[in-house]
Amino acid sequence: MAIDSLKALGLSLKVDVYDTKYEVSEVSRILAANDFSDVDAVIGPLTPSTFAKVASELQVNNVPVVSPIGLDLQLRSNVFQSRPKTELLKSRIVQFVKKDTLSNNVIIVADSKHVSIANELKRTFNQASIVYSRKNKKGQDENYVLVNDIVGSLKAGNNYVFLETTNAGFVSNVTSLLASVNNTIEPGQKNNDKKKITLVTTDMNDAFEGDQVSNEHLSKLNFHFAATSKWFDETENSFVKKYESMYNTTPNKRAVRGFDLTMDVVLRLVSSNSLYESVNDAPLTEYIESKFAYKKDISGGVL
């Protein structure tokens, strides 16, 4: 759809599309069978290994290779990482909580795969309590906690709860428990002694969007996270309407991301001498849900 939109603007494009089959061997075959030396830009591939192969092979000709979804990539001189580093997103949500925790309480809930980030958060919020997932007899995560594991750490007033996991079942369990005790008052206490909970995470991943996770619970907990995309009204957006008319379904995040990124790369190329120069010529661009503000990294790549 992005190509059609660009052609509607009067732009003449030569676009080649290759199916890598998510395999490095297929990428090698494509690179060997086609001349990429004069290509203005390459978008993709999606997987880390196939992307790394393309970036490595095309670096000799200084062909810019843009990653649609990759994070924390090896930033070769020709690599454009279109999403911000994980560390930046983590820092944003931590700073958000720090600004609002002078008189508030912090709790960290995590599974065994996220002990490192739990400890890192504990060093930042040294008064915080840490609650880990219950384990079975083999020491493996059972991906649940009991209400008594958390409620004792809650205090009257505002409570920020970091939930660090990639397991949808654990997200469902914790958010259900937190929603059940949010804005509650202990017997004999006054109304201003309510325990108010705000849920946050340093890593917004698919687990928080799983079918078993209640959006009502997330809303009730005023869920906050640092995002790489902005909210838009699907009912009013012309791209969404056109997509639905063509494919009889609502575009998922990757479809919207692909549209935004393709529009951005092409419009940068037509407005600058190269994608590299566009970093300075167009420092900030914005589309349906994505903003692109590239900067040269000390390692040589662009993100």
Protein backbone atom coordinates (compact mmCIF):
# COMPACT_ATOMS: atom_id res chain seq x y z
CA MET A 1 0.00 0.00 0.00
CA ALA A 2 2.89 2.37 0.68
CA ILE A 3 4.15 1.92 -2.88
CA ASP A 4 0.69 2.75 -4.25
CA SER A 5 0.52 5.83 -2.03
CA LEU A 6 3.95 6.99 -3.19
CA LYS A 7 3.07 6.47 -6.85
CA ALA A 8 -0.11 8.47 -6.26
CA LEU A 9 2.18 11.33 -5.24
CA GLY A 10 3.75 11.17 -8.68
CA LEU A 11 6.92 9.35 -7.69
CA SER A 12 8.52 6.85 -10.05
CA LEU A 13 9.91 3.88 -8.17
CA LYS A 14 11.80 0.72 -8.98
CA VAL A 15 11.09 -1.74 -6.21
CA ASP A 16 12.32 -5.32 -5.99
CA VAL A 17 10.84 -7.65 -3.37
CA TYR A 18 12.64 -10.81 -2.25
CA ASP A 19 11.45 -13.63 -0.01
CA THR A 20 14.34 -14.63 2.26
CA LYS A 21 12.31 -17.48 3.80
CA TYR A 22 13.92 -16.37 7.08
CA GLU A 23 17.07 -18.29 6.05
CA VAL A 24 20.62 -16.97 5.78
CA SER A 25 21.33 -19.42 2.94
CA GLU A 26 18.46 -17.93 0.92
CA VAL A 27 19.80 -14.43 1.60
CA SER A 28 23.21 -15.51 0.29
CA ARG A 29 21.57 -16.87 -2.86
CA ILE A 30 19.62 -13.64 -3.44
CA LEU A 31 22.70 -11.48 -2.93
CA ALA A 32 24.75 -13.62 -5.30
CA ALA A 33 22.10 -13.60 -8.02
CA ASN A 34 21.37 -9.87 -8.00
CA ASP A 35 23.41 -6.66 -8.23
CA PHE A 36 22.79 -4.43 -5.21
CA SER A 37 25.72 -2.06 -5.77
CA ASP A 38 23.57 0.83 -7.07
CA VAL A 39 20.57 0.29 -4.83
CA ASP A 40 19.52 3.42 -2.91
CA ALA A 41 18.28 1.51 0.13
CA VAL A 42 17.30 -1.94 1.37
CA ILE A 43 14.49 -2.43 3.89
CA GLY A 44 14.82 -5.64 5.90
CA PRO A 45 15.13 -8.57 6.28
CA LEU A 46 13.26 -9.06 9.54
CA THR A 47 15.23 -11.68 11.47
CA PRO A 48 18.50 -10.70 13.19
CA SER A 49 20.64 -13.29 11.39
CA THR A 50 19.34 -12.54 7.88
CA PHE A 51 19.54 -8.79 8.49
CA ALA A 52 23.12 -9.08 9.72
CA LYS A 53 24.06 -11.03 6.58
CA VAL A 54 22.59 -8.40 4.24
CA ALA A 55 24.16 -5.51 6.14
CA SER A 56 27.55 -7.19 6.16
CA GLU A 57 27.54 -8.02 2.44
CA LEU A 58 26.30 -4.59 1.32
CA GLN A 59 28.59 -2.58 3.57
CA VAL A 60 31.37 -2.69 0.98
CA ASN A 61 29.18 -0.65 -1.42
CA ASN A 62 27.87 1.58 1.39
CA VAL A 63 24.28 0.57 0.62
CA PRO A 64 22.03 1.64 3.52
CA VAL A 65 20.13 -1.26 5.08
CA VAL A 66 17.13 -0.33 7.22
CA SER A 67 15.83 -2.62 9.96
CA PRO A 68 12.03 -2.43 10.37
CA ILE A 69 11.76 -4.05 13.80
CA GLY A 70 15.23 -5.00 15.03
CA LEU A 71 16.54 -3.82 18.39
CA ASP A 72 20.11 -3.56 19.68
CA LEU A 73 21.60 -4.44 16.30
CA GLN A 74 25.26 -4.50 15.37
CA LEU A 75 25.43 -0.97 14.00
CA ARG A 76 27.64 -1.27 10.95
CA SER A 77 28.29 1.97 9.08
CA ASN A 78 25.45 1.21 6.63
CA VAL A 79 22.85 0.10 9.19
CA PHE A 80 19.77 2.18 10.00
CA GLN A 81 18.01 0.91 13.14
CA SER A 82 14.54 2.41 12.86
CA ARG A 83 13.54 1.53 16.41
CA PRO A 84 15.25 3.06 19.45
CA LYS A 85 17.56 0.99 21.63
CA THR A 86 15.99 -1.12 24.37
CA GLU A 87 18.07 0.80 26.91
CA LEU A 88 16.50 4.09 25.84
CA LEU A 89 12.94 2.79 26.26
CA LYS A 90 13.83 1.33 29.65
CA SER A 91 15.39 4.61 30.72
CA ARG A 92 12.29 6.57 29.70
CA ILE A 93 9.89 4.58 31.88
CA VAL A 94 12.32 4.52 34.81
CA GLN A 95 12.68 8.30 34.63
CA PHE A 96 8.89 8.64 34.47
CA VAL A 97 8.51 6.68 37.70
CA LYS A 98 11.45 8.43 39.42
CA LYS A 99 9.88 11.83 38.83
CA ASP A 100 6.75 10.70 40.63
CA THR A 101 8.05 8.60 43.51
CA LEU A 102 9.12 11.11 46.15
CA SER A 103 6.31 9.92 48.39
CA ASN A 104 5.25 6.79 46.51
CA ASN A 105 5.90 3.08 46.86
CA VAL A 106 7.59 0.84 44.26
CA ILE A 107 7.15 -2.93 43.87
CA ILE A 108 8.97 -5.11 41.33
CA VAL A 109 7.30 -8.32 40.14
CA ALA A 110 9.40 -10.59 37.93
CA ASP A 111 10.08 -14.15 36.83
CA SER A 112 13.45 -15.91 36.94
CA LYS A 113 14.30 -14.84 33.38
CA HIS A 114 14.18 -11.22 34.50
CA VAL A 115 16.20 -11.30 37.71
CA SER A 116 18.81 -9.01 36.15
CA ILE A 117 16.36 -6.20 35.37
CA ALA A 118 14.65 -6.70 38.74
CA ASN A 119 17.98 -6.20 40.51
CA GLU A 120 18.75 -3.19 38.30
CA LEU A 121 15.43 -1.60 39.25
CA LYS A 122 16.10 -2.39 42.89
CA ARG A 123 19.37 -0.46 42.69
CA THR A 124 17.48 2.52 41.27
CA PHE A 125 14.58 2.28 43.72
CA ASN A 126 16.41 0.95 46.77
CA GLN A 127 13.30 0.98 48.97
CA ALA A 128 11.39 -1.20 46.50
CA SER A 129 10.13 -4.69 47.28
CA ILE A 130 10.77 -7.56 44.84
CA VAL A 131 8.23 -10.33 44.32
CA TYR A 132 9.21 -13.31 42.16
CA SER A 133 7.04 -15.89 40.46
CA ARG A 134 6.26 -18.97 42.52
CA LYS A 135 8.37 -22.00 41.58
CA ASN A 136 7.77 -25.74 41.43
CA LYS A 137 9.85 -28.39 43.22
CA LYS A 138 12.38 -28.32 40.38
CA GLY A 139 12.93 -24.60 40.87
CA GLN A 140 11.14 -23.68 37.65
CA ASP A 141 8.78 -20.73 37.33
CA GLU A 142 5.11 -21.58 37.75
CA ASN A 143 4.28 -18.12 36.35
CA TYR A 144 1.95 -17.05 39.11
CA VAL A 145 1.94 -15.27 42.43
CA LEU A 146 -0.65 -15.26 45.19
CA VAL A 147 -2.39 -12.15 46.35
CA ASN A 148 -0.63 -12.39 49.72
CA ASP A 149 2.74 -12.29 47.94
CA ILE A 150 1.96 -8.76 46.77
CA VAL A 151 -0.59 -7.21 49.09
CA GLY A 152 1.85 -7.02 52.01
CA SER A 153 4.13 -4.76 49.94
CA LEU A 154 1.36 -2.36 48.98
CA LYS A 155 1.04 0.84 50.97
CA ALA A 156 -1.63 3.48 51.36
CA GLY A 157 -1.31 6.05 48.58
CA ASN A 158 0.35 5.57 45.22
CA ASN A 159 2.05 2.29 44.32
CA TYR A 160 4.06 1.75 41.13
CA VAL A 161 4.35 -1.93 40.20
CA PHE A 162 6.98 -2.93 37.64
CA LEU A 163 6.01 -6.19 35.92
CA GLU A 164 8.98 -7.77 34.13
CA THR A 165 8.15 -10.89 32.10
CA THR A 166 7.57 -12.21 28.60
CA ASN A 167 5.02 -14.80 29.76
CA ALA A 168 1.39 -13.92 28.97
CA GLY A 169 0.08 -16.24 31.69
CA PHE A 170 2.13 -14.45 34.32
CA VAL A 171 0.91 -11.08 33.03
CA SER A 172 -2.68 -12.31 33.25
CA ASN A 173 -2.18 -13.61 36.79
CA VAL A 174 -0.47 -10.50 38.15
CA THR A 175 -2.77 -7.97 36.49
CA SER A 176 -5.85 -9.84 37.70
CA LEU A 177 -4.57 -9.82 41.28
CA LEU A 178 -3.52 -6.17 41.16
CA ALA A 179 -6.84 -5.09 39.68
CA SER A 180 -8.67 -6.88 42.49
CA VAL A 181 -6.83 -4.91 45.20
CA ASN A 182 -6.49 -1.58 43.40
CA ASN A 183 -8.07 1.36 45.22
CA THR A 184 -8.89 -0.77 48.26
CA ILE A 185 -8.94 0.38 51.88
CA GLU A 186 -7.92 -1.61 54.93
CA PRO A 187 -10.69 -2.08 57.53
CA GLY A 188 -10.81 0.90 59.88
CA GLN A 189 -8.82 3.18 57.57
CA LYS A 190 -10.00 6.38 55.91
CA ASN A 191 -10.77 6.99 52.26
CA ASN A 192 -7.47 8.80 51.68
CA ASP A 193 -5.66 5.60 52.75
CA LYS A 194 -6.62 3.86 49.51
CA LYS A 195 -3.95 1.73 47.85
CA LYS A 196 -3.73 3.09 44.32
CA ILE A 197 -1.77 1.00 41.80
CA THR A 198 -0.11 2.05 38.55
CA LEU A 199 1.31 -0.80 36.48
CA VAL A 200 4.49 -0.18 34.48
CA THR A 201 7.05 -2.25 32.58
CA THR A 202 10.47 -1.60 31.07
CA ASP A 203 9.72 -4.04 28.26
CA MET A 204 6.38 -3.77 26.48
CA ASN A 205 6.23 -7.10 24.64
CA ASP A 206 3.64 -9.47 23.16
CA ALA A 207 2.90 -11.00 26.57
CA PHE A 208 0.98 -7.86 27.57
CA GLU A 209 -1.19 -8.19 24.47
CA GLY A 210 -2.00 -11.90 24.79
CA ASP A 211 -5.58 -13.09 24.49
CA GLN A 212 -5.64 -14.16 28.13
CA VAL A 213 -4.67 -10.69 29.36
CA SER A 214 -7.63 -8.47 30.24
CA ASN A 215 -7.52 -4.99 28.71
CA GLU A 216 -10.00 -3.98 31.40
CA HIS A 217 -7.46 -4.89 34.07
CA LEU A 218 -4.67 -3.01 32.26
CA SER A 219 -6.90 0.04 31.99
CA LYS A 220 -7.91 -0.18 35.64
CA LEU A 221 -4.22 -0.28 36.57
CA ASN A 222 -3.44 2.78 34.40
CA PHE A 223 -0.81 0.73 32.54
CA HIS A 224 2.25 2.75 31.45
CA PHE A 225 5.17 1.83 29.19
CA ALA A 226 7.62 3.55 26.85
CA ALA A 227 6.52 3.04 23.25
CA THR A 228 8.04 3.39 19.81
CA SER A 229 4.69 4.22 18.26
CA LYS A 230 1.89 6.68 18.93
CA TRP A 231 -1.82 6.04 19.32
CA PHE A 232 -4.12 6.73 16.39
CA ASP A 233 -7.87 6.44 15.87
CA GLU A 234 -8.43 3.38 13.68
CA THR A 235 -12.00 4.40 12.92
CA GLU A 236 -10.94 7.71 11.37
CA ASN A 237 -7.62 6.81 9.71
CA SER A 238 -7.68 6.71 5.90
CA PHE A 239 -4.90 4.10 5.73
CA VAL A 240 -6.86 1.74 7.98
CA LYS A 241 -10.04 2.22 5.97
CA LYS A 242 -8.23 1.52 2.69
CA TYR A 243 -6.45 -1.50 4.16
CA GLU A 244 -9.72 -2.93 5.42
CA SER A 245 -11.39 -2.44 2.05
CA MET A 246 -8.52 -4.25 0.31
CA TYR A 247 -7.90 -7.10 2.73
CA ASN A 248 -11.13 -7.33 4.77
CA THR A 249 -9.22 -7.09 8.02
CA THR A 250 -7.74 -4.44 10.28
CA PRO A 251 -3.98 -3.90 9.78
CA ASN A 252 -1.81 -5.25 12.57
CA LYS A 253 1.09 -3.33 14.04
CA ARG A 254 3.60 -4.76 11.57
CA ALA A 255 1.47 -3.69 8.61
CA VAL A 256 1.23 -0.14 9.92
CA ARG A 257 4.93 -0.13 10.77
CA GLY A 258 5.79 -1.35 7.28
CA PHE A 259 3.70 1.38 5.68
CA ASP A 260 5.26 4.11 7.82
CA LEU A 261 8.82 2.91 7.28
CA THR A 262 8.48 2.51 3.51
CA MET A 263 6.96 5.99 3.20
CA ASP A 264 9.74 7.45 5.31
CA VAL A 265 12.64 5.79 3.46
CA VAL A 266 11.36 6.74 0.00
CA LEU A 267 10.44 10.32 0.92
CA ARG A 268 13.86 10.77 2.52
CA LEU A 269 15.52 9.52 -0.67
CA VAL A 270 13.58 11.89 -2.94
CA SER A 271 14.20 14.91 -0.68
CA SER A 272 17.93 14.31 -0.05
CA ASN A 273 20.91 13.14 -2.04
CA SER A 274 21.06 9.95 0.02
CA LEU A 275 19.53 8.27 3.02
CA TYR A 276 22.66 9.21 4.96
CA GLU A 277 22.25 12.92 4.19
CA SER A 278 18.56 12.77 5.11
CA VAL A 279 19.58 12.28 8.75
CA ASN A 280 20.52 15.97 8.80
CA ASP A 281 18.10 17.19 6.12
CA ALA A 282 15.01 15.66 7.78
CA PRO A 283 15.86 15.22 11.48
CA LEU A 284 12.27 14.29 12.44
CA THR A 285 9.53 12.73 10.34
CA GLU A 286 6.13 11.47 11.46
CA TYR A 287 3.54 9.17 9.91
CA ILE A 288 0.53 7.13 11.05
CA GLU A 289 1.96 5.73 14.28
CA SER A 290 5.73 6.14 13.92
CA LYS A 291 8.20 8.95 14.31
CA PHE A 292 11.71 8.71 12.87
CA ALA A 293 14.49 10.83 14.33
CA TYR A 294 17.77 9.26 13.26
CA LYS A 295 21.13 10.15 14.75
CA LYS A 296 24.60 8.91 13.91
CA ASP A 297 25.81 6.44 16.53
CA ILE A 298 29.40 6.44 17.76
CA SER A 299 29.75 2.92 16.35
CA GLY A 300 29.10 4.25 12.85
CA GLY A 301 25.53 3.15 12.27
CA VAL A 302 22.37 5.23 12.45
CA LEU A 303 19.51 4.86 14.92
